[in-house]
Amino acid sequence: MAFGQHTTGEEVVKSLTGRTEGKTFIITGPSANSIGGATAIALAHGKPKTLFLTGRNPERINPVIDEIKKIDSSIDVVFVKMDLMSLKSVREAAAFITASGKAEKIHGLVNNAGIMATPFGLTEDGVEQQFGVNHLGHFLLTNLLLPNIVAAGPHARVVNVASTGYGVGDVAFDNINFDEGKTYHPWKAYGQSKTANILFTTYLSMHLKSKGIEAFALQPGMPQTNLYKHTIAATDPNDPASFPAAFALIQARYPDGAPSGDLKEDEKTVETASSTPLFAALSPSLDGKEAPESTCFLRNCVEFPVLDYAKNPEDAAKLWVLSEKLVGEKFEI
C-alpha cells in the first residue's frame, strides 16, 4: 500500500501490525484533538501490549485513553505525568517508566510534544522555553530511556516530531536564550528548536546504527490544533508571532524558495497528520536508513530533503555537548 498526504495513521498501523503487536511504545504529548492523541489512538489498532502516554494534565489525555480502550481493552495504557518545562519532572517520568516493570523493552519512542511561537519565557532550568520543551526535555528523556530502547533490539525507533519550520532559524549555540530575551523572536526560537530536533536525530542515527536502532525526524503536517494558539491570537500581521511574520522571515532568508516547498502538502487532519510519525516508527522500508547517507527526515511518509545546516554531523555533535551541559549529565551511546 502506498502512503501519502491523505493516508491516516490507522491505515499505516493496520498495514504494519507485525511491527506493533505485543510491543511497547511511548508517546509524549498525546492530548485529545492533537497529532499525538491521534497517533496513540491509531496505534491501538495494532494490538500493542503497552502504551505509555506522557503529559502534564491527565484530563487532556483521559479522552484518548478512553478511545484506545474502546478499540482494544486489552492494551495496557499508562499515563505518565511529565512536564517538559522541568528537567526534574522529565527525570521523574523516566524513573517511573523504568520502575514500572512494563518497559524493559521500548520498541518506539515518539517525541511528539511541543510548543510554537510562544512569548519569551524560560523553563524551570533557565532555558528558552521552545528550545527547552521541543528539544532539551526530549533529549534527556530519550537518553534516560535509551538502554530500554536498545534492549528492544534491531529496528526499535526514536521518532522526533520536528517541522519544515526549522528553516526559520538554526541553533545559536552561544546564545540559545536570545540575550535573555532582548533579541528574542518567537519564530526564530521555534526554528532553532526544530533544527535541534533534526540535529539530535542525526546524532542518534549515526551513533546507534551499530546497535540496529534507527532515528527519524519528520514534518507531520499542519492541522489546526492547540499548537497554533499563539499564532491564532496574533491577529495583527505585525505581531512577531503571526504567520505573516513567519513568512516574511522565510522570504528574506530564502528569496529563491522556502525549504518547506508547497505548504498545501501539509494540509491535514490530526488523523492524516499521525501517519508520518507512525510510518517513521514502524515502516520496514526504513530499516537500516542512517545519517548522513539518509536525511532521516520524512514528510508525507517519504524521505524529504533538509538543508545541510540541519543535518551537519559536526553541529549535531556540538548540540549533543551543549545539551549534556544544560541537563548536567553526560551520555555515552
C-alpha atoms as a PDB file:
ATOM      1  CA  MET A   1       0.000   0.000   0.000  1.00  0.00           C
ATOM      2  CA  ALA A   2       1.307   3.439  -0.945  1.00  0.00           C
ATOM      3  CA  PHE A   3       1.196   6.068   1.781  1.00  0.00           C
ATOM      4  CA  GLY A   4       0.965   9.811   1.243  1.00  0.00           C
ATOM      5  CA  GLN A   5      -0.526  13.111   2.325  1.00  0.00           C
ATOM      6  CA  HIS A   6      -4.038  11.760   2.865  1.00  0.00           C
ATOM      7  CA  THR A   7      -3.115   8.439   4.490  1.00  0.00           C
ATOM      8  CA  THR A   8      -4.413   8.086   8.034  1.00  0.00           C
ATOM      9  CA  GLY A   9      -2.396   6.772  10.930  1.00  0.00           C
ATOM     10  CA  GLU A  10      -4.877   3.945  11.311  1.00  0.00           C
ATOM     11  CA  GLU A  11      -4.184   2.839   7.738  1.00  0.00           C
ATOM     12  CA  VAL A  12      -0.436   2.812   8.413  1.00  0.00           C
ATOM     13  CA  VAL A  13      -0.818   0.776  11.604  1.00  0.00           C
ATOM     14  CA  LYS A  14      -3.246  -1.763  10.148  1.00  0.00           C
ATOM     15  CA  SER A  15      -0.809  -2.477   7.322  1.00  0.00           C
ATOM     16  CA  LEU A  16       2.149  -2.872   9.702  1.00  0.00           C
ATOM     17  CA  THR A  17       0.729  -4.823  12.650  1.00  0.00           C
ATOM     18  CA  GLY A  18       3.776  -7.093  12.614  1.00  0.00           C
ATOM     19  CA  ARG A  19       5.694  -4.119  13.949  1.00  0.00           C
ATOM     20  CA  THR A  20       3.216  -3.299  16.711  1.00  0.00           C
ATOM     21  CA  GLU A  21       1.591  -6.423  18.112  1.00  0.00           C
ATOM     22  CA  GLY A  22       2.687  -7.192  21.653  1.00  0.00           C
ATOM     23  CA  LYS A  23       5.130  -4.281  21.741  1.00  0.00           C
ATOM     24  CA  THR A  24       5.680  -1.223  23.913  1.00  0.00           C
ATOM     25  CA  PHE A  25       5.551   2.402  22.791  1.00  0.00           C
ATOM     26  CA  ILE A  26       5.860   5.810  24.443  1.00  0.00           C
ATOM     27  CA  ILE A  27       4.262   8.973  23.065  1.00  0.00           C
ATOM     28  CA  THR A  28       4.816  12.412  24.565  1.00  0.00           C
ATOM     29  CA  GLY A  29       2.025  14.987  24.435  1.00  0.00           C
ATOM     30  CA  PRO A  30      -0.875  12.793  23.230  1.00  0.00           C
ATOM     31  CA  SER A  31      -3.674  15.110  24.310  1.00  0.00           C
ATOM     32  CA  ALA A  32      -7.164  14.956  22.828  1.00  0.00           C
ATOM     33  CA  ASN A  33      -7.604  16.539  19.383  1.00  0.00           C
ATOM     34  CA  SER A  34      -3.875  16.624  18.725  1.00  0.00           C
ATOM     35  CA  ILE A  35      -1.441  14.836  16.439  1.00  0.00           C
ATOM     36  CA  GLY A  36      -0.050  12.950  19.428  1.00  0.00           C
ATOM     37  CA  GLY A  37      -3.511  11.888  20.510  1.00  0.00           C
ATOM     38  CA  ALA A  38      -4.382  10.694  17.012  1.00  0.00           C
ATOM     39  CA  THR A  39      -1.062   8.823  16.895  1.00  0.00           C
ATOM     40  CA  ALA A  40      -1.854   6.974  20.124  1.00  0.00           C
ATOM     41  CA  ILE A  41      -5.395   6.129  19.018  1.00  0.00           C
ATOM     42  CA  ALA A  42      -4.220   4.859  15.638  1.00  0.00           C
ATOM     43  CA  LEU A  43      -1.532   2.744  17.299  1.00  0.00           C
ATOM     44  CA  ALA A  44      -4.240   0.963  19.287  1.00  0.00           C
ATOM     45  CA  HIS A  45      -5.359  -0.733  16.052  1.00  0.00           C
ATOM     46  CA  GLY A  46      -2.063  -2.658  16.005  1.00  0.00           C
ATOM     47  CA  LYS A  47      -2.556  -4.617  19.242  1.00  0.00           C
ATOM     48  CA  PRO A  48       0.421  -3.210  21.167  1.00  0.00           C
ATOM     49  CA  LYS A  49       0.991  -4.566  24.648  1.00  0.00           C
ATOM     50  CA  THR A  50       1.682  -1.293  26.457  1.00  0.00           C
ATOM     51  CA  LEU A  51       1.300   2.383  25.625  1.00  0.00           C
ATOM     52  CA  PHE A  52       2.898   4.977  27.902  1.00  0.00           C
ATOM     53  CA  LEU A  53       1.320   8.399  27.355  1.00  0.00           C
ATOM     54  CA  THR A  54       3.131  11.344  28.924  1.00  0.00           C
ATOM     55  CA  GLY A  55       1.720  14.764  29.676  1.00  0.00           C
ATOM     56  CA  ARG A  56       1.120  17.440  32.263  1.00  0.00           C
ATOM     57  CA  ASN A  57      -2.631  17.046  32.675  1.00  0.00           C
ATOM     58  CA  PRO A  58      -4.417  13.689  32.775  1.00  0.00           C
ATOM     59  CA  GLU A  59      -7.672  15.498  31.974  1.00  0.00           C
ATOM     60  CA  ARG A  60      -6.375  16.258  28.484  1.00  0.00           C
ATOM     61  CA  ILE A  61      -5.201  12.685  27.881  1.00  0.00           C
ATOM     62  CA  ASN A  62      -8.033  10.689  29.504  1.00  0.00           C
ATOM     63  CA  PRO A  63     -10.278  11.075  26.415  1.00  0.00           C
ATOM     64  CA  VAL A  64      -7.503   9.493  24.330  1.00  0.00           C
ATOM     65  CA  ILE A  65      -7.179   6.633  26.804  1.00  0.00           C
ATOM     66  CA  ASP A  66     -10.937   6.099  26.608  1.00  0.00           C
ATOM     67  CA  GLU A  67     -10.763   5.874  22.797  1.00  0.00           C
ATOM     68  CA  ILE A  68      -7.886   3.394  22.976  1.00  0.00           C
ATOM     69  CA  LYS A  69      -9.840   1.199  25.374  1.00  0.00           C
ATOM     70  CA  LYS A  70     -12.844   1.235  23.017  1.00  0.00           C
ATOM     71  CA  ILE A  71     -10.612  -0.060  20.231  1.00  0.00           C
ATOM     72  CA  ASP A  72      -8.809  -2.694  22.289  1.00  0.00           C
ATOM     73  CA  SER A  73      -9.478  -3.068  26.001  1.00  0.00           C
ATOM     74  CA  SER A  74      -6.543  -5.451  26.394  1.00  0.00           C
ATOM     75  CA  ILE A  75      -3.950  -2.703  25.824  1.00  0.00           C
ATOM     76  CA  ASP A  76      -2.211  -1.587  28.992  1.00  0.00           C
ATOM     77  CA  VAL A  77      -2.364   2.206  28.782  1.00  0.00           C
ATOM     78  CA  VAL A  78      -0.232   4.018  31.367  1.00  0.00           C
ATOM     79  CA  PHE A  79      -0.477   7.756  31.929  1.00  0.00           C
ATOM     80  CA  VAL A  80       2.861   9.287  32.965  1.00  0.00           C
ATOM     81  CA  LYS A  81       2.895  12.781  34.423  1.00  0.00           C
ATOM     82  CA  MET A  82       5.663  14.774  32.788  1.00  0.00           C
ATOM     83  CA  ASP A  83       6.242  18.484  32.293  1.00  0.00           C
ATOM     84  CA  LEU A  84       8.894  19.210  29.649  1.00  0.00           C
ATOM     85  CA  MET A  85       9.406  22.649  31.212  1.00  0.00           C
ATOM     86  CA  SER A  86      11.158  20.868  34.091  1.00  0.00           C
ATOM     87  CA  LEU A  87      14.149  18.537  33.793  1.00  0.00           C
ATOM     88  CA  LYS A  88      13.310  17.260  37.270  1.00  0.00           C
ATOM     89  CA  SER A  89       9.885  16.235  36.005  1.00  0.00           C
ATOM     90  CA  VAL A  90      11.443  14.502  32.983  1.00  0.00           C
ATOM     91  CA  ARG A  91      13.770  12.540  35.242  1.00  0.00           C
ATOM     92  CA  GLU A  92      10.869  11.538  37.471  1.00  0.00           C
ATOM     93  CA  ALA A  93       8.859  10.401  34.458  1.00  0.00           C
ATOM     94  CA  ALA A  94      11.722   8.313  33.095  1.00  0.00           C
ATOM     95  CA  ALA A  95      12.244   6.755  36.530  1.00  0.00           C
ATOM     96  CA  PHE A  96       8.519   5.954  36.752  1.00  0.00           C
ATOM     97  CA  ILE A  97       8.555   4.272  33.351  1.00  0.00           C
ATOM     98  CA  THR A  98      11.623   2.168  34.058  1.00  0.00           C
ATOM     99  CA  ALA A  99      10.410   1.231  37.558  1.00  0.00           C
ATOM    100  CA  SER A 100       7.011   0.149  36.252  1.00  0.00           C
ATOM    101  CA  GLY A 101       8.332  -3.207  35.111  1.00  0.00           C
ATOM    102  CA  LYS A 102       6.448  -2.704  31.837  1.00  0.00           C
ATOM    103  CA  ALA A 103       9.197  -1.089  29.804  1.00  0.00           C
ATOM    104  CA  GLU A 104      12.140  -3.463  29.853  1.00  0.00           C
ATOM    105  CA  LYS A 105      11.975  -3.170  26.058  1.00  0.00           C
ATOM    106  CA  ILE A 106      10.750   0.006  24.392  1.00  0.00           C
ATOM    107  CA  HIS A 107      10.088  -0.558  20.703  1.00  0.00           C
ATOM    108  CA  GLY A 108       9.212   3.014  19.853  1.00  0.00           C
ATOM    109  CA  LEU A 109       9.622   6.419  21.495  1.00  0.00           C
ATOM    110  CA  VAL A 110       7.670   9.165  19.731  1.00  0.00           C
ATOM    111  CA  ASN A 111       8.835  12.572  20.963  1.00  0.00           C
ATOM    112  CA  ASN A 112       5.748  14.446  19.828  1.00  0.00           C
ATOM    113  CA  ALA A 113       5.015  17.159  22.427  1.00  0.00           C
ATOM    114  CA  GLY A 114       5.859  20.718  21.543  1.00  0.00           C
ATOM    115  CA  ILE A 115       5.076  24.429  21.660  1.00  0.00           C
ATOM    116  CA  MET A 116       5.265  27.044  18.921  1.00  0.00           C
ATOM    117  CA  ALA A 117       5.782  30.795  18.560  1.00  0.00           C
ATOM    118  CA  THR A 118       5.405  31.461  22.271  1.00  0.00           C
ATOM    119  CA  PRO A 119       6.234  34.740  24.014  1.00  0.00           C
ATOM    120  CA  PHE A 120       9.701  34.750  25.555  1.00  0.00           C
ATOM    121  CA  GLY A 121       9.955  32.619  28.643  1.00  0.00           C
ATOM    122  CA  LEU A 122      12.352  30.319  30.437  1.00  0.00           C
ATOM    123  CA  THR A 123      11.958  26.766  31.615  1.00  0.00           C
ATOM    124  CA  GLU A 124      12.330  25.881  35.276  1.00  0.00           C
ATOM    125  CA  ASP A 125      16.012  25.303  34.462  1.00  0.00           C
ATOM    126  CA  GLY A 126      16.593  28.706  32.841  1.00  0.00           C
ATOM    127  CA  VAL A 127      16.477  27.664  29.179  1.00  0.00           C
ATOM    128  CA  GLU A 128      14.444  29.466  26.494  1.00  0.00           C
ATOM    129  CA  GLN A 129      11.186  27.551  26.609  1.00  0.00           C
ATOM    130  CA  GLN A 130      10.780  26.500  22.972  1.00  0.00           C
ATOM    131  CA  PHE A 131      14.281  25.042  22.945  1.00  0.00           C
ATOM    132  CA  GLY A 132      13.701  23.532  26.378  1.00  0.00           C
ATOM    133  CA  VAL A 133      10.363  21.885  25.632  1.00  0.00           C
ATOM    134  CA  ASN A 134      10.824  20.929  21.989  1.00  0.00           C
ATOM    135  CA  HIS A 135      14.407  19.700  22.253  1.00  0.00           C
ATOM    136  CA  LEU A 136      16.077  19.603  25.648  1.00  0.00           C
ATOM    137  CA  GLY A 137      13.385  17.749  27.603  1.00  0.00           C
ATOM    138  CA  HIS A 138      13.156  15.144  24.859  1.00  0.00           C
ATOM    139  CA  PHE A 139      16.946  14.888  24.699  1.00  0.00           C
ATOM    140  CA  LEU A 140      17.016  13.983  28.388  1.00  0.00           C
ATOM    141  CA  LEU A 141      14.028  11.615  28.217  1.00  0.00           C
ATOM    142  CA  THR A 142      15.466   9.773  25.218  1.00  0.00           C
ATOM    143  CA  ASN A 143      18.848   9.274  26.819  1.00  0.00           C
ATOM    144  CA  LEU A 144      17.395   8.106  30.120  1.00  0.00           C
ATOM    145  CA  LEU A 145      15.290   5.512  28.280  1.00  0.00           C
ATOM    146  CA  LEU A 146      17.883   4.586  25.670  1.00  0.00           C
ATOM    147  CA  PRO A 147      19.051   1.355  27.394  1.00  0.00           C
ATOM    148  CA  ASN A 148      15.463   0.099  27.223  1.00  0.00           C
ATOM    149  CA  ILE A 149      15.181   1.081  23.555  1.00  0.00           C
ATOM    150  CA  VAL A 150      18.421  -0.721  22.724  1.00  0.00           C
ATOM    151  CA  ALA A 151      17.143  -3.745  24.665  1.00  0.00           C
ATOM    152  CA  ALA A 152      14.219  -3.994  22.238  1.00  0.00           C
ATOM    153  CA  GLY A 153      16.674  -4.999  19.544  1.00  0.00           C
ATOM    154  CA  PRO A 154      17.044  -4.129  15.868  1.00  0.00           C
ATOM    155  CA  HIS A 155      14.651  -1.569  14.383  1.00  0.00           C
ATOM    156  CA  ALA A 156      13.439  -0.106  17.633  1.00  0.00           C
ATOM    157  CA  ARG A 157      12.973   3.554  16.840  1.00  0.00           C
ATOM    158  CA  VAL A 158      13.305   7.071  18.208  1.00  0.00           C
ATOM    159  CA  VAL A 159      10.970   9.431  16.360  1.00  0.00           C
ATOM    160  CA  ASN A 160      11.315  13.195  16.784  1.00  0.00           C
ATOM    161  CA  VAL A 161       8.380  15.242  15.541  1.00  0.00           C
ATOM    162  CA  ALA A 162      10.120  18.241  14.007  1.00  0.00           C
ATOM    163  CA  SER A 163       8.938  20.621  11.281  1.00  0.00           C
ATOM    164  CA  THR A 164       9.983  22.097   7.974  1.00  0.00           C
ATOM    165  CA  GLY A 165       9.731  25.271  10.049  1.00  0.00           C
ATOM    166  CA  TYR A 166      13.340  24.526  11.011  1.00  0.00           C
ATOM    167  CA  GLY A 167      14.162  26.744   8.052  1.00  0.00           C
ATOM    168  CA  VAL A 168      13.290  29.860  10.048  1.00  0.00           C
ATOM    169  CA  GLY A 169      16.462  29.565  12.117  1.00  0.00           C
ATOM    170  CA  ASP A 170      19.458  27.472  13.020  1.00  0.00           C
ATOM    171  CA  VAL A 171      20.864  26.849  16.501  1.00  0.00           C
ATOM    172  CA  ALA A 172      22.613  29.823  18.092  1.00  0.00           C
ATOM    173  CA  PHE A 173      24.963  27.640  20.120  1.00  0.00           C
ATOM    174  CA  ASP A 174      26.384  30.547  22.090  1.00  0.00           C
ATOM    175  CA  ASN A 175      23.088  32.368  22.560  1.00  0.00           C
ATOM    176  CA  ILE A 176      20.164  29.956  22.800  1.00  0.00           C
ATOM    177  CA  ASN A 177      18.375  32.350  25.176  1.00  0.00           C
ATOM    178  CA  PHE A 178      18.492  35.248  22.707  1.00  0.00           C
ATOM    179  CA  ASP A 179      20.359  37.582  25.074  1.00  0.00           C
ATOM    180  CA  GLU A 180      17.901  36.630  27.821  1.00  0.00           C
ATOM    181  CA  GLY A 181      15.036  37.746  25.658  1.00  0.00           C
ATOM    182  CA  LYS A 182      16.443  41.053  24.401  1.00  0.00           C
ATOM    183  CA  THR A 183      16.840  39.763  20.829  1.00  0.00           C
ATOM    184  CA  TYR A 184      14.066  37.176  21.011  1.00  0.00           C
ATOM    185  CA  HIS A 185      11.814  36.414  18.068  1.00  0.00           C
ATOM    186  CA  PRO A 186       9.154  33.702  18.526  1.00  0.00           C
ATOM    187  CA  TRP A 187       9.658  32.206  15.077  1.00  0.00           C
ATOM    188  CA  LYS A 188      13.442  32.230  15.187  1.00  0.00           C
ATOM    189  CA  ALA A 189      13.241  30.443  18.533  1.00  0.00           C
ATOM    190  CA  TYR A 190      10.837  27.905  17.057  1.00  0.00           C
ATOM    191  CA  GLY A 191      13.149  27.371  14.101  1.00  0.00           C
ATOM    192  CA  GLN A 192      16.091  26.901  16.464  1.00  0.00           C
ATOM    193  CA  SER A 193      14.214  24.221  18.391  1.00  0.00           C
ATOM    194  CA  LYS A 194      13.142  22.359  15.243  1.00  0.00           C
ATOM    195  CA  THR A 195      16.670  22.480  13.816  1.00  0.00           C
ATOM    196  CA  ALA A 196      17.778  20.994  17.125  1.00  0.00           C
ATOM    197  CA  ASN A 197      15.246  18.159  16.650  1.00  0.00           C
ATOM    198  CA  ILE A 198      16.829  17.274  13.310  1.00  0.00           C
ATOM    199  CA  LEU A 199      20.428  17.590  14.527  1.00  0.00           C
ATOM    200  CA  PHE A 200      19.574  15.417  17.543  1.00  0.00           C
ATOM    201  CA  THR A 201      18.108  12.828  15.175  1.00  0.00           C
ATOM    202  CA  THR A 202      21.260  12.947  13.057  1.00  0.00           C
ATOM    203  CA  TYR A 203      23.468  12.283  16.073  1.00  0.00           C
ATOM    204  CA  LEU A 204      21.287   9.436  17.312  1.00  0.00           C
ATOM    205  CA  SER A 205      21.156   7.833  13.888  1.00  0.00           C
ATOM    206  CA  MET A 206      24.921   7.944  13.406  1.00  0.00           C
ATOM    207  CA  HIS A 207      25.725   6.602  16.858  1.00  0.00           C
ATOM    208  CA  LEU A 208      23.030   3.953  17.187  1.00  0.00           C
ATOM    209  CA  LYS A 209      23.422   2.299  13.789  1.00  0.00           C
ATOM    210  CA  SER A 210      25.845  -0.315  15.185  1.00  0.00           C
ATOM    211  CA  LYS A 211      23.073  -1.385  17.575  1.00  0.00           C
ATOM    212  CA  GLY A 212      20.463  -1.585  14.835  1.00  0.00           C
ATOM    213  CA  ILE A 213      18.416   1.255  16.326  1.00  0.00           C
ATOM    214  CA  GLU A 214      17.055   3.911  13.973  1.00  0.00           C
ATOM    215  CA  ALA A 215      16.064   7.534  14.478  1.00  0.00           C
ATOM    216  CA  PHE A 216      13.888   9.746  12.301  1.00  0.00           C
ATOM    217  CA  ALA A 217      12.642  13.326  12.341  1.00  0.00           C
ATOM    218  CA  LEU A 218       9.634  14.485  10.402  1.00  0.00           C
ATOM    219  CA  GLN A 219       7.133  17.103   9.368  1.00  0.00           C
ATOM    220  CA  PRO A 220       3.703  15.747  10.362  1.00  0.00           C
ATOM    221  CA  GLY A 221       1.547  18.334   8.618  1.00  0.00           C
ATOM    222  CA  MET A 222      -0.363  21.379   9.813  1.00  0.00           C
ATOM    223  CA  PRO A 223      -3.813  20.511  11.188  1.00  0.00           C
ATOM    224  CA  GLN A 224      -5.412  23.201  13.316  1.00  0.00           C
ATOM    225  CA  THR A 225      -4.660  22.187  16.887  1.00  0.00           C
ATOM    226  CA  ASN A 226      -3.836  23.889  20.167  1.00  0.00           C
ATOM    227  CA  LEU A 227      -0.234  24.182  18.942  1.00  0.00           C
ATOM    228  CA  TYR A 228      -1.360  27.226  16.949  1.00  0.00           C
ATOM    229  CA  LYS A 229      -2.915  29.154  19.821  1.00  0.00           C
ATOM    230  CA  HIS A 230      -0.249  31.882  19.796  1.00  0.00           C
ATOM    231  CA  THR A 231      -0.418  32.394  16.025  1.00  0.00           C
ATOM    232  CA  ILE A 232      -4.229  32.447  16.066  1.00  0.00           C
ATOM    233  CA  ALA A 233      -4.147  35.072  18.812  1.00  0.00           C
ATOM    234  CA  ALA A 234      -1.741  37.188  16.743  1.00  0.00           C
ATOM    235  CA  THR A 235      -4.414  38.950  14.670  1.00  0.00           C
ATOM    236  CA  ASP A 236      -2.135  41.900  13.886  1.00  0.00           C
ATOM    237  CA  PRO A 237       0.091  40.943  10.907  1.00  0.00           C
ATOM    238  CA  ASN A 238       2.882  42.942  12.528  1.00  0.00           C
ATOM    239  CA  ASP A 239       2.766  40.744  15.608  1.00  0.00           C
ATOM    240  CA  PRO A 240       6.006  38.710  15.558  1.00  0.00           C
ATOM    241  CA  ALA A 241       4.040  35.540  16.414  1.00  0.00           C
ATOM    242  CA  SER A 242       1.785  35.879  13.365  1.00  0.00           C
ATOM    243  CA  PHE A 243       2.064  33.750  10.247  1.00  0.00           C
ATOM    244  CA  PRO A 244       2.798  36.839   8.097  1.00  0.00           C
ATOM    245  CA  ALA A 245       5.809  37.480  10.339  1.00  0.00           C
ATOM    246  CA  ALA A 246       6.981  33.897   9.801  1.00  0.00           C
ATOM    247  CA  PHE A 247       6.525  34.149   6.030  1.00  0.00           C
ATOM    248  CA  ALA A 248       8.461  37.435   5.988  1.00  0.00           C
ATOM    249  CA  LEU A 249      11.396  35.796   7.744  1.00  0.00           C
ATOM    250  CA  ILE A 250      11.316  32.860   5.333  1.00  0.00           C
ATOM    251  CA  GLN A 251      11.127  35.107   2.277  1.00  0.00           C
ATOM    252  CA  ALA A 252      14.034  37.210   3.470  1.00  0.00           C
ATOM    253  CA  ARG A 253      16.130  34.135   4.215  1.00  0.00           C
ATOM    254  CA  TYR A 254      15.206  32.140   1.102  1.00  0.00           C
ATOM    255  CA  PRO A 255      14.382  34.511  -1.757  1.00  0.00           C
ATOM    256  CA  ASP A 256      14.541  31.607  -4.233  1.00  0.00           C
ATOM    257  CA  GLY A 257      12.033  29.466  -2.359  1.00  0.00           C
ATOM    258  CA  ALA A 258      11.465  28.046   1.107  1.00  0.00           C
ATOM    259  CA  PRO A 259      12.880  24.624   2.046  1.00  0.00           C
ATOM    260  CA  SER A 260       9.369  23.537   3.038  1.00  0.00           C
ATOM    261  CA  GLY A 261       8.152  23.522  -0.542  1.00  0.00           C
ATOM    262  CA  ASP A 262       4.398  23.759  -1.166  1.00  0.00           C
ATOM    263  CA  LEU A 263       2.563  24.215   2.136  1.00  0.00           C
ATOM    264  CA  LYS A 264      -0.586  22.773   0.565  1.00  0.00           C
ATOM    265  CA  GLU A 265       1.061  19.390   1.054  1.00  0.00           C
ATOM    266  CA  ASP A 266       0.814  19.973   4.810  1.00  0.00           C
ATOM    267  CA  GLU A 267      -2.968  20.461   4.843  1.00  0.00           C
ATOM    268  CA  LYS A 268      -4.191  17.619   7.036  1.00  0.00           C
ATOM    269  CA  THR A 269      -6.490  16.458   9.792  1.00  0.00           C
ATOM    270  CA  VAL A 270      -4.973  15.142  13.012  1.00  0.00           C
ATOM    271  CA  GLU A 271      -5.726  11.634  11.714  1.00  0.00           C
ATOM    272  CA  THR A 272      -3.766  12.116   8.493  1.00  0.00           C
ATOM    273  CA  ALA A 273      -1.050  14.045  10.352  1.00  0.00           C
ATOM    274  CA  SER A 274      -0.468  10.981  12.540  1.00  0.00           C
ATOM    275  CA  SER A 275       0.506   8.853   9.545  1.00  0.00           C
ATOM    276  CA  THR A 276       4.072  10.106   9.142  1.00  0.00           C
ATOM    277  CA  PRO A 277       5.041   9.707  12.835  1.00  0.00           C
ATOM    278  CA  LEU A 278       3.664   6.157  12.728  1.00  0.00           C
ATOM    279  CA  PHE A 279       5.342   5.413   9.413  1.00  0.00           C
ATOM    280  CA  ALA A 280       8.615   6.632  10.945  1.00  0.00           C
ATOM    281  CA  ALA A 281       8.117   4.422  13.991  1.00  0.00           C
ATOM    282  CA  LEU A 282       7.072   1.275  12.154  1.00  0.00           C
ATOM    283  CA  SER A 283       7.881   1.019   8.472  1.00  0.00           C
ATOM    284  CA  PRO A 284      10.288  -1.768   7.420  1.00  0.00           C
ATOM    285  CA  SER A 285      11.103   0.291   4.334  1.00  0.00           C
ATOM    286  CA  LEU A 286      13.165   2.493   6.671  1.00  0.00           C
ATOM    287  CA  ASP A 287      15.181  -0.383   8.147  1.00  0.00           C
ATOM    288  CA  GLY A 288      18.874   0.427   8.010  1.00  0.00           C
ATOM    289  CA  LYS A 289      18.402   4.067   6.989  1.00  0.00           C
ATOM    290  CA  GLU A 290      21.062   6.140   8.687  1.00  0.00           C
ATOM    291  CA  ALA A 291      22.505   9.634   8.697  1.00  0.00           C
ATOM    292  CA  PRO A 292      24.282  11.215   6.956  1.00  0.00           C
ATOM    293  CA  GLU A 293      23.678   8.899   3.975  1.00  0.00           C
ATOM    294  CA  SER A 294      19.928   9.387   4.512  1.00  0.00           C
ATOM    295  CA  THR A 295      18.284  12.643   5.540  1.00  0.00           C
ATOM    296  CA  CYS A 296      16.410  10.624   8.196  1.00  0.00           C
ATOM    297  CA  PHE A 297      13.677  13.245   7.708  1.00  0.00           C
ATOM    298  CA  LEU A 298      10.191  12.406   6.452  1.00  0.00           C
ATOM    299  CA  ARG A 299       7.225  14.288   5.094  1.00  0.00           C
ATOM    300  CA  ASN A 300       4.032  12.622   3.899  1.00  0.00           C
ATOM    301  CA  CYS A 301       5.529   9.195   4.605  1.00  0.00           C
ATOM    302  CA  VAL A 302       8.509   9.640   2.268  1.00  0.00           C
ATOM    303  CA  GLU A 303      12.025  10.957   2.735  1.00  0.00           C
ATOM    304  CA  PHE A 304      12.268  14.703   2.343  1.00  0.00           C
ATOM    305  CA  PRO A 305      15.440  16.773   1.842  1.00  0.00           C
ATOM    306  CA  VAL A 306      16.651  19.133   4.547  1.00  0.00           C
ATOM    307  CA  LEU A 307      19.252  21.863   4.319  1.00  0.00           C
ATOM    308  CA  ASP A 308      22.822  20.936   5.172  1.00  0.00           C
ATOM    309  CA  TYR A 309      22.979  23.013   8.348  1.00  0.00           C
ATOM    310  CA  ALA A 310      20.204  20.935   9.925  1.00  0.00           C
ATOM    311  CA  LYS A 311      21.965  17.605   9.388  1.00  0.00           C
ATOM    312  CA  ASN A 312      25.616  18.609   9.703  1.00  0.00           C
ATOM    313  CA  PRO A 313      27.386  15.925  11.793  1.00  0.00           C
ATOM    314  CA  GLU A 314      29.744  18.432  13.412  1.00  0.00           C
ATOM    315  CA  ASP A 315      26.865  20.639  14.521  1.00  0.00           C
ATOM    316  CA  ALA A 316      24.970  17.550  15.671  1.00  0.00           C
ATOM    317  CA  ALA A 317      27.919  16.699  17.923  1.00  0.00           C
ATOM    318  CA  LYS A 318      28.122  20.308  19.100  1.00  0.00           C
ATOM    319  CA  LEU A 319      24.428  20.252  20.015  1.00  0.00           C
ATOM    320  CA  TRP A 320      24.911  16.992  21.900  1.00  0.00           C
ATOM    321  CA  VAL A 321      27.676  18.503  24.034  1.00  0.00           C
ATOM    322  CA  LEU A 322      25.634  21.648  24.684  1.00  0.00           C
ATOM    323  CA  SER A 323      22.598  19.570  25.635  1.00  0.00           C
ATOM    324  CA  GLU A 324      24.635  17.454  28.042  1.00  0.00           C
ATOM    325  CA  LYS A 325      25.886  20.649  29.659  1.00  0.00           C
ATOM    326  CA  LEU A 326      22.372  22.044  30.003  1.00  0.00           C
ATOM    327  CA  VAL A 327      20.950  18.869  31.568  1.00  0.00           C
ATOM    328  CA  GLY A 328      24.049  18.386  33.744  1.00  0.00           C
ATOM    329  CA  GLU A 329      24.679  14.817  32.661  1.00  0.00           C
ATOM    330  CA  LYS A 330      26.842  13.026  30.091  1.00  0.00           C
ATOM    331  CA  PHE A 331      25.564  10.153  27.975  1.00  0.00           C
ATOM    332  CA  GLU A 332      27.604   7.577  26.102  1.00  0.00           C
ATOM    333  CA  ILE A 333      25.823   5.940  23.183  1.00  0.00           C
END
